[in-house]
């Protein structure tokens, strides 16, 4: 049974973790990205957001800060921009100073594959363990302390 940490947060016991559906597409920077190329080499944080989402704007500083702090520590961050206009999304990324890749999902096709997340609830964040399995999810804005705690817990797993 998944354990609740704080409201909106679920941590899945190792024995109950499942693989994430194949996610790939074009980033806002025009590059191809396959999540399978990132998963399995360390902890992966996947944040689903949109430029028109007020809560996404509020949490973006926490994500950017933790991504910067943990650079080079086998933690990868990937954003998934949901049902957004590319120019607005690019402005959002520039304003929030996020430097990790952002998959563009203007029709919501990638989000459809993420059945562990609500289809209308953004922001949402998934954390994959070193094996590429879904280890935790946060529905709603994630905070720096919460994100650090979840990542640290996954990094300490053998």
N, C-alpha and C. Protein backbone atom coordinates (compact mmCIF):
# COMPACT_ATOMS: atom_id res chain seq x y z
N UNK A 1 0.85 -1.18 0.00
CA UNK A 1 0.00 0.00 0.00
C UNK A 1 0.89 1.23 0.00
N UNK A 2 0.58 2.20 -0.83
CA UNK A 2 1.34 3.44 -0.90
C UNK A 2 1.12 4.24 0.39
N UNK A 3 2.17 4.89 0.83
CA UNK A 3 2.11 5.67 2.06
C UNK A 3 2.00 7.15 1.73
N UNK A 4 1.12 7.85 2.43
CA UNK A 4 0.99 9.29 2.24
C UNK A 4 2.00 9.98 3.14
N UNK A 5 2.72 10.93 2.58
CA UNK A 5 3.71 11.68 3.35
C UNK A 5 3.10 13.00 3.83
N UNK A 6 2.68 13.83 2.92
CA UNK A 6 1.97 15.07 3.21
C UNK A 6 0.79 15.11 2.26
N UNK A 7 -0.21 15.95 2.51
CA UNK A 7 -1.35 15.99 1.60
C UNK A 7 -0.89 16.15 0.15
N UNK A 8 -1.40 15.31 -0.71
CA UNK A 8 -1.03 15.36 -2.12
C UNK A 8 0.20 14.56 -2.48
N UNK A 9 0.89 13.99 -1.48
CA UNK A 9 2.12 13.24 -1.74
C UNK A 9 1.91 11.76 -1.44
N UNK A 10 2.34 10.92 -2.35
CA UNK A 10 2.27 9.48 -2.16
C UNK A 10 3.66 8.91 -2.43
N UNK A 11 4.15 8.10 -1.50
CA UNK A 11 5.41 7.39 -1.68
C UNK A 11 5.06 5.92 -1.83
N UNK A 12 5.54 5.31 -2.90
CA UNK A 12 5.23 3.91 -3.18
C UNK A 12 6.33 3.00 -2.63
N UNK A 13 5.96 1.99 -1.85
CA UNK A 13 6.96 1.03 -1.37
C UNK A 13 7.65 0.36 -2.56
N UNK A 14 8.92 0.02 -2.41
CA UNK A 14 9.71 -0.54 -3.51
C UNK A 14 9.02 -1.73 -4.19
N UNK A 15 8.38 -2.59 -3.42
CA UNK A 15 7.74 -3.78 -3.98
C UNK A 15 6.52 -3.45 -4.84
N UNK A 16 5.96 -2.25 -4.69
CA UNK A 16 4.75 -1.87 -5.43
C UNK A 16 5.02 -0.91 -6.58
N UNK A 17 6.26 -0.58 -6.81
CA UNK A 17 6.60 0.38 -7.86
C UNK A 17 6.45 -0.24 -9.23
N UNK A 18 5.97 0.57 -10.15
CA UNK A 18 5.75 0.12 -11.52
C UNK A 18 6.50 1.04 -12.49
N UNK A 19 6.81 0.51 -13.69
CA UNK A 19 7.48 1.36 -14.68
C UNK A 19 6.52 2.43 -15.21
N UNK A 20 7.10 3.50 -15.65
CA UNK A 20 6.35 4.58 -16.27
C UNK A 20 6.17 4.25 -17.75
N UNK A 21 5.07 4.68 -18.32
CA UNK A 21 4.87 4.49 -19.76
C UNK A 21 5.98 5.18 -20.53
N UNK A 22 6.25 4.71 -21.72
CA UNK A 22 7.27 5.31 -22.58
C UNK A 22 6.88 6.76 -22.89
N UNK A 23 7.77 7.68 -22.58
CA UNK A 23 7.53 9.09 -22.87
C UNK A 23 8.64 9.60 -23.77
N UNK A 24 8.25 10.18 -24.88
CA UNK A 24 9.24 10.80 -25.75
C UNK A 24 8.54 11.87 -26.56
N UNK A 25 9.33 12.78 -27.04
CA UNK A 25 8.78 13.85 -27.85
C UNK A 25 9.79 14.94 -28.07
N UNK A 26 9.29 16.08 -28.49
CA UNK A 26 10.14 17.22 -28.76
C UNK A 26 10.11 18.17 -27.57
N UNK A 27 11.27 18.71 -27.25
CA UNK A 27 11.35 19.67 -26.15
C UNK A 27 11.02 21.07 -26.67
N UNK A 28 10.82 21.98 -25.75
CA UNK A 28 10.57 23.37 -26.12
C UNK A 28 11.77 23.97 -26.86
N UNK A 29 12.95 23.37 -26.68
CA UNK A 29 14.16 23.83 -27.37
C UNK A 29 14.31 23.18 -28.75
N UNK A 30 13.34 22.33 -29.14
CA UNK A 30 13.37 21.71 -30.46
C UNK A 30 14.20 20.44 -30.55
N UNK A 31 14.59 19.87 -29.41
CA UNK A 31 15.38 18.64 -29.39
C UNK A 31 14.45 17.44 -29.15
N UNK A 32 14.87 16.27 -29.59
CA UNK A 32 14.14 15.03 -29.29
C UNK A 32 14.57 14.55 -27.92
N UNK A 33 13.63 14.06 -27.15
CA UNK A 33 13.94 13.52 -25.82
C UNK A 33 13.12 12.27 -25.59
N UNK A 34 13.80 11.22 -25.18
CA UNK A 34 13.16 9.97 -24.79
C UNK A 34 13.46 9.79 -23.31
N UNK A 35 12.44 9.72 -22.48
CA UNK A 35 12.64 9.60 -21.05
C UNK A 35 13.43 8.34 -20.71
N UNK A 36 13.31 7.31 -21.53
CA UNK A 36 14.07 6.08 -21.31
C UNK A 36 15.58 6.31 -21.34
N UNK A 37 16.02 7.35 -22.05
CA UNK A 37 17.45 7.67 -22.10
C UNK A 37 17.92 8.30 -20.79
N UNK A 38 16.99 8.82 -20.00
CA UNK A 38 17.32 9.49 -18.74
C UNK A 38 17.10 8.54 -17.56
N UNK A 39 16.00 7.80 -17.59
CA UNK A 39 15.63 6.92 -16.47
C UNK A 39 16.61 5.77 -16.34
N UNK A 40 16.82 5.34 -15.11
CA UNK A 40 17.67 4.19 -14.86
C UNK A 40 19.11 4.54 -14.53
N UNK A 41 19.48 5.81 -14.59
CA UNK A 41 20.85 6.20 -14.27
C UNK A 41 20.92 6.98 -12.97
N UNK A 42 19.81 7.14 -12.31
CA UNK A 42 19.71 7.90 -11.06
C UNK A 42 18.27 8.26 -10.85
N UNK A 43 18.02 9.12 -9.89
CA UNK A 43 16.66 9.58 -9.61
C UNK A 43 16.24 10.53 -10.73
N UNK A 44 14.98 10.40 -11.17
CA UNK A 44 14.44 11.29 -12.19
C UNK A 44 13.21 11.99 -11.61
N UNK A 45 13.19 13.31 -11.76
CA UNK A 45 12.06 14.13 -11.32
C UNK A 45 11.36 14.62 -12.58
N UNK A 46 10.07 14.31 -12.70
CA UNK A 46 9.27 14.73 -13.85
C UNK A 46 8.19 15.67 -13.32
N UNK A 47 8.23 16.90 -13.79
CA UNK A 47 7.26 17.90 -13.34
C UNK A 47 6.35 18.28 -14.50
N UNK A 48 5.04 18.17 -14.27
CA UNK A 48 4.03 18.52 -15.27
C UNK A 48 3.51 19.91 -14.92
N UNK A 49 3.55 20.82 -15.89
CA UNK A 49 3.24 22.23 -15.64
C UNK A 49 2.65 22.88 -16.90
N UNK A 50 2.25 24.14 -16.75
CA UNK A 50 1.84 24.97 -17.89
C UNK A 50 2.08 26.43 -17.51
N UNK A 51 2.34 27.24 -18.51
CA UNK A 51 2.65 28.65 -18.24
C UNK A 51 1.44 29.40 -17.67
N UNK A 52 0.24 28.94 -17.96
CA UNK A 52 -0.97 29.62 -17.49
C UNK A 52 -1.38 29.18 -16.09
N UNK A 53 -0.63 28.28 -15.49
CA UNK A 53 -0.95 27.72 -14.17
C UNK A 53 -0.24 28.53 -13.07
N UNK A 54 -1.01 29.20 -12.23
CA UNK A 54 -0.45 30.03 -11.16
C UNK A 54 0.38 29.21 -10.19
N UNK A 55 -0.11 28.05 -9.78
CA UNK A 55 0.63 27.20 -8.85
C UNK A 55 1.95 26.71 -9.45
N UNK A 56 1.94 26.51 -10.78
CA UNK A 56 3.17 26.07 -11.46
C UNK A 56 4.23 27.17 -11.37
N UNK A 57 3.81 28.39 -11.52
CA UNK A 57 4.72 29.52 -11.42
C UNK A 57 5.30 29.60 -10.02
N UNK A 58 4.47 29.37 -9.02
CA UNK A 58 4.92 29.43 -7.63
C UNK A 58 5.92 28.32 -7.30
N UNK A 59 5.73 27.14 -7.84
CA UNK A 59 6.63 26.03 -7.52
C UNK A 59 7.89 26.00 -8.37
N UNK A 60 7.91 26.75 -9.46
CA UNK A 60 9.04 26.68 -10.40
C UNK A 60 10.36 27.06 -9.75
N UNK A 61 10.34 28.01 -8.82
CA UNK A 61 11.59 28.41 -8.14
C UNK A 61 12.14 27.25 -7.32
N UNK A 62 11.28 26.49 -6.67
CA UNK A 62 11.72 25.34 -5.87
C UNK A 62 12.36 24.29 -6.77
N UNK A 63 11.74 23.99 -7.88
CA UNK A 63 12.28 23.00 -8.81
C UNK A 63 13.63 23.45 -9.37
N UNK A 64 13.70 24.71 -9.81
CA UNK A 64 14.95 25.22 -10.38
C UNK A 64 16.07 25.21 -9.34
N UNK A 65 15.75 25.59 -8.10
CA UNK A 65 16.76 25.63 -7.04
C UNK A 65 17.30 24.24 -6.73
N UNK A 66 16.41 23.29 -6.56
CA UNK A 66 16.85 21.93 -6.22
C UNK A 66 17.60 21.31 -7.41
N UNK A 67 17.15 21.55 -8.62
CA UNK A 67 17.86 21.03 -9.80
C UNK A 67 19.28 21.59 -9.84
N UNK A 68 19.43 22.87 -9.53
CA UNK A 68 20.76 23.48 -9.50
C UNK A 68 21.64 22.92 -8.39
N UNK A 69 21.06 22.75 -7.20
CA UNK A 69 21.81 22.21 -6.06
C UNK A 69 22.32 20.79 -6.32
N UNK A 70 21.52 19.99 -7.01
CA UNK A 70 21.83 18.57 -7.17
C UNK A 70 22.48 18.24 -8.51
N UNK A 71 22.88 19.26 -9.24
CA UNK A 71 23.53 19.03 -10.53
C UNK A 71 24.78 18.18 -10.32
N UNK A 72 24.92 17.14 -11.12
CA UNK A 72 26.07 16.25 -11.02
C UNK A 72 25.94 15.18 -9.95
N UNK A 73 24.75 15.04 -9.35
CA UNK A 73 24.56 14.06 -8.28
C UNK A 73 23.61 12.94 -8.68
N UNK A 74 23.61 12.54 -9.93
CA UNK A 74 22.76 11.48 -10.45
C UNK A 74 21.28 11.72 -10.18
N UNK A 75 20.87 12.96 -10.43
CA UNK A 75 19.46 13.34 -10.39
C UNK A 75 19.18 14.11 -11.67
N UNK A 76 18.16 13.70 -12.40
CA UNK A 76 17.77 14.37 -13.63
C UNK A 76 16.38 14.96 -13.47
N UNK A 77 16.17 16.10 -14.06
CA UNK A 77 14.88 16.77 -14.05
C UNK A 77 14.38 16.88 -15.48
N UNK A 78 13.09 16.64 -15.67
CA UNK A 78 12.44 16.79 -16.96
C UNK A 78 11.08 17.43 -16.71
N UNK A 79 10.78 18.46 -17.47
CA UNK A 79 9.46 19.08 -17.39
C UNK A 79 8.58 18.57 -18.52
N UNK A 80 7.28 18.62 -18.29
CA UNK A 80 6.30 18.30 -19.33
C UNK A 80 5.32 19.47 -19.37
N UNK A 81 5.41 20.26 -20.42
CA UNK A 81 4.57 21.44 -20.59
C UNK A 81 3.24 21.02 -21.20
N UNK A 82 2.18 21.20 -20.45
CA UNK A 82 0.85 20.71 -20.82
C UNK A 82 -0.04 21.74 -21.48
N UNK A 83 -0.61 21.37 -22.61
CA UNK A 83 -1.66 22.12 -23.28
C UNK A 83 -1.39 23.62 -23.24
N UNK A 84 -0.27 23.99 -23.81
CA UNK A 84 0.25 25.35 -23.72
C UNK A 84 0.65 25.82 -25.11
N UNK A 85 0.80 27.11 -25.25
CA UNK A 85 1.34 27.69 -26.47
C UNK A 85 2.86 27.78 -26.32
N UNK A 86 3.61 27.34 -27.32
CA UNK A 86 5.07 27.28 -27.23
C UNK A 86 5.70 28.63 -26.86
N UNK A 87 5.29 29.76 -27.44
CA UNK A 87 5.93 31.03 -27.06
C UNK A 87 5.72 31.37 -25.58
N UNK A 88 4.53 31.13 -25.07
CA UNK A 88 4.27 31.39 -23.64
C UNK A 88 5.08 30.45 -22.77
N UNK A 89 5.19 29.20 -23.18
CA UNK A 89 5.95 28.22 -22.42
C UNK A 89 7.44 28.58 -22.39
N UNK A 90 7.98 29.00 -23.53
CA UNK A 90 9.39 29.39 -23.58
C UNK A 90 9.66 30.60 -22.69
N UNK A 91 8.74 31.57 -22.69
CA UNK A 91 8.88 32.74 -21.80
C UNK A 91 8.88 32.29 -20.35
N UNK A 92 7.97 31.38 -20.01
CA UNK A 92 7.89 30.86 -18.65
C UNK A 92 9.21 30.22 -18.23
N UNK A 93 9.77 29.39 -19.09
CA UNK A 93 11.04 28.71 -18.79
C UNK A 93 12.15 29.74 -18.59
N UNK A 94 12.20 30.75 -19.44
CA UNK A 94 13.23 31.79 -19.32
C UNK A 94 13.06 32.58 -18.02
N UNK A 95 11.82 32.96 -17.72
CA UNK A 95 11.55 33.76 -16.52
C UNK A 95 11.83 32.98 -15.24
N UNK A 96 11.57 31.69 -15.26
CA UNK A 96 11.75 30.88 -14.05
C UNK A 96 13.14 30.28 -13.95
N UNK A 97 13.95 30.52 -14.97
CA UNK A 97 15.35 30.08 -14.99
C UNK A 97 15.52 28.56 -14.84
N UNK A 98 14.59 27.82 -15.41
CA UNK A 98 14.75 26.37 -15.41
C UNK A 98 15.63 25.99 -16.59
N UNK A 99 16.61 25.14 -16.33
CA UNK A 99 17.58 24.80 -17.37
C UNK A 99 17.46 23.35 -17.83
N UNK A 100 16.63 22.57 -17.19
CA UNK A 100 16.48 21.17 -17.60
C UNK A 100 15.50 21.07 -18.77
N UNK A 101 15.52 19.95 -19.50
CA UNK A 101 14.68 19.82 -20.69
C UNK A 101 13.19 19.82 -20.35
N UNK A 102 12.43 20.38 -21.28
CA UNK A 102 10.97 20.50 -21.12
C UNK A 102 10.30 19.88 -22.34
N UNK A 103 9.64 18.74 -22.16
CA UNK A 103 8.86 18.15 -23.25
C UNK A 103 7.62 19.00 -23.51
N UNK A 104 7.33 19.23 -24.75
CA UNK A 104 6.14 19.98 -25.13
C UNK A 104 4.99 18.99 -25.36
N UNK A 105 3.85 19.25 -24.72
CA UNK A 105 2.70 18.35 -24.85
C UNK A 105 1.43 19.17 -25.10
N UNK A 106 1.36 19.85 -26.27
CA UNK A 106 0.25 20.76 -26.52
C UNK A 106 -1.13 20.10 -26.56
N UNK A 107 -1.20 18.83 -26.94
CA UNK A 107 -2.50 18.15 -26.99
C UNK A 107 -2.76 17.25 -25.78
N UNK A 108 -1.85 17.17 -24.84
CA UNK A 108 -2.05 16.34 -23.66
C UNK A 108 -1.83 14.85 -23.90
N UNK A 109 -1.16 14.49 -24.98
CA UNK A 109 -0.95 13.08 -25.29
C UNK A 109 0.03 12.41 -24.33
N UNK A 110 1.05 13.15 -23.88
CA UNK A 110 2.00 12.58 -22.92
C UNK A 110 1.34 12.40 -21.56
N UNK A 111 0.57 13.40 -21.15
CA UNK A 111 -0.12 13.30 -19.86
C UNK A 111 -1.08 12.12 -19.85
N UNK A 112 -1.71 11.84 -20.99
CA UNK A 112 -2.60 10.68 -21.08
C UNK A 112 -1.88 9.39 -20.72
N UNK A 113 -0.58 9.32 -21.02
CA UNK A 113 0.21 8.12 -20.72
C UNK A 113 0.59 8.01 -19.25
N UNK A 114 0.48 9.10 -18.53
CA UNK A 114 0.87 9.12 -17.11
C UNK A 114 -0.36 8.84 -16.24
N UNK A 115 -0.82 7.62 -16.29
CA UNK A 115 -2.07 7.27 -15.61
C UNK A 115 -1.99 7.41 -14.09
N UNK A 116 -0.80 7.49 -13.54
CA UNK A 116 -0.63 7.65 -12.10
C UNK A 116 -0.92 9.10 -11.66
N UNK A 117 -1.07 10.00 -12.64
CA UNK A 117 -1.37 11.41 -12.35
C UNK A 117 -2.79 11.75 -12.77
N UNK A 118 -3.40 12.72 -12.08
CA UNK A 118 -4.72 13.19 -12.52
C UNK A 118 -4.58 13.89 -13.87
N UNK A 119 -5.53 13.70 -14.74
CA UNK A 119 -5.44 14.27 -16.08
C UNK A 119 -5.73 15.76 -16.14
N UNK A 120 -6.22 16.32 -15.06
CA UNK A 120 -6.47 17.76 -15.06
C UNK A 120 -5.78 18.47 -13.90
N UNK A 121 -5.00 17.76 -13.13
CA UNK A 121 -4.38 18.35 -11.94
C UNK A 121 -2.93 18.72 -12.16
N UNK A 122 -2.68 19.98 -12.47
CA UNK A 122 -1.29 20.42 -12.55
C UNK A 122 -1.13 21.59 -11.58
N UNK A 123 0.02 21.75 -11.03
CA UNK A 123 1.22 20.97 -11.28
C UNK A 123 1.16 19.61 -10.60
N UNK A 124 1.90 18.69 -11.15
CA UNK A 124 2.10 17.36 -10.57
C UNK A 124 3.54 16.96 -10.82
N UNK A 125 4.08 16.17 -9.91
CA UNK A 125 5.48 15.75 -10.02
C UNK A 125 5.59 14.26 -9.74
N UNK A 126 6.36 13.57 -10.56
CA UNK A 126 6.67 12.16 -10.34
C UNK A 126 8.15 12.03 -10.07
N UNK A 127 8.50 11.09 -9.21
CA UNK A 127 9.90 10.76 -8.97
C UNK A 127 10.11 9.30 -9.30
N UNK A 128 11.10 9.04 -10.13
CA UNK A 128 11.46 7.68 -10.50
C UNK A 128 12.70 7.28 -9.73
N UNK A 129 12.73 6.03 -9.27
CA UNK A 129 13.91 5.54 -8.56
C UNK A 129 15.00 5.19 -9.56
N UNK A 130 16.11 4.69 -9.08
CA UNK A 130 17.27 4.37 -9.94
C UNK A 130 16.96 3.30 -10.98
N UNK A 131 15.93 2.50 -10.72
CA UNK A 131 15.54 1.46 -11.68
C UNK A 131 14.56 2.00 -12.72
N UNK A 132 14.17 3.27 -12.59
CA UNK A 132 13.23 3.87 -13.53
C UNK A 132 11.78 3.59 -13.18
N UNK A 133 11.52 3.17 -11.93
CA UNK A 133 10.16 2.87 -11.48
C UNK A 133 9.57 4.06 -10.73
N UNK A 134 8.25 4.22 -10.82
CA UNK A 134 7.57 5.33 -10.14
C UNK A 134 7.63 5.10 -8.63
N UNK A 135 8.36 5.97 -7.94
CA UNK A 135 8.58 5.83 -6.50
C UNK A 135 7.75 6.80 -5.68
N UNK A 136 7.40 7.94 -6.26
CA UNK A 136 6.62 8.93 -5.51
C UNK A 136 5.91 9.85 -6.49
N UNK A 137 4.84 10.44 -6.01
CA UNK A 137 4.14 11.45 -6.80
C UNK A 137 3.67 12.55 -5.86
N UNK A 138 3.66 13.75 -6.39
CA UNK A 138 3.15 14.90 -5.66
C UNK A 138 2.09 15.54 -6.56
N UNK A 139 0.88 15.60 -6.07
CA UNK A 139 -0.20 16.24 -6.81
C UNK A 139 -0.40 17.60 -6.17
N UNK A 140 -0.11 18.63 -6.93
CA UNK A 140 -0.09 20.00 -6.41
C UNK A 140 1.34 20.49 -6.38
N UNK A 141 1.54 21.74 -5.94
CA UNK A 141 2.89 22.31 -5.94
C UNK A 141 3.82 21.57 -4.98
N UNK A 142 5.05 21.36 -5.41
CA UNK A 142 6.07 20.73 -4.58
C UNK A 142 6.94 21.84 -3.98
N UNK A 143 7.41 21.63 -2.77
CA UNK A 143 8.27 22.61 -2.11
C UNK A 143 9.72 22.12 -2.14
N UNK A 144 10.66 23.03 -1.90
CA UNK A 144 12.07 22.64 -1.86
C UNK A 144 12.33 21.58 -0.80
N UNK A 145 11.91 21.80 0.47
CA UNK A 145 12.19 20.78 1.49
C UNK A 145 11.57 19.43 1.14
N UNK A 146 10.37 19.43 0.63
CA UNK A 146 9.69 18.20 0.26
C UNK A 146 10.45 17.48 -0.85
N UNK A 147 10.85 18.22 -1.86
CA UNK A 147 11.57 17.64 -2.99
C UNK A 147 12.93 17.10 -2.56
N UNK A 148 13.64 17.86 -1.75
CA UNK A 148 14.94 17.39 -1.24
C UNK A 148 14.78 16.10 -0.44
N UNK A 149 13.75 16.05 0.39
CA UNK A 149 13.51 14.86 1.23
C UNK A 149 13.19 13.64 0.37
N UNK A 150 12.32 13.80 -0.61
CA UNK A 150 11.95 12.68 -1.49
C UNK A 150 13.15 12.19 -2.30
N UNK A 151 13.91 13.11 -2.87
CA UNK A 151 15.08 12.74 -3.66
C UNK A 151 16.11 12.07 -2.77
N UNK A 152 16.38 12.65 -1.59
CA UNK A 152 17.36 12.08 -0.67
C UNK A 152 17.01 10.67 -0.26
N UNK A 153 15.74 10.43 0.01
CA UNK A 153 15.29 9.10 0.37
C UNK A 153 15.56 8.10 -0.75
N UNK A 154 15.29 8.51 -1.99
CA UNK A 154 15.53 7.62 -3.13
C UNK A 154 17.02 7.41 -3.39
N UNK A 155 17.81 8.43 -3.16
CA UNK A 155 19.27 8.28 -3.33
C UNK A 155 19.87 7.33 -2.31
N UNK A 156 19.29 7.26 -1.14
CA UNK A 156 19.81 6.37 -0.09
C UNK A 156 19.41 4.92 -0.28
N UNK A 157 18.46 4.64 -1.16
CA UNK A 157 18.05 3.26 -1.40
C UNK A 157 19.20 2.48 -2.03
N UNK A 158 19.31 1.21 -1.65
CA UNK A 158 20.39 0.40 -2.25
C UNK A 158 19.94 -0.25 -3.52
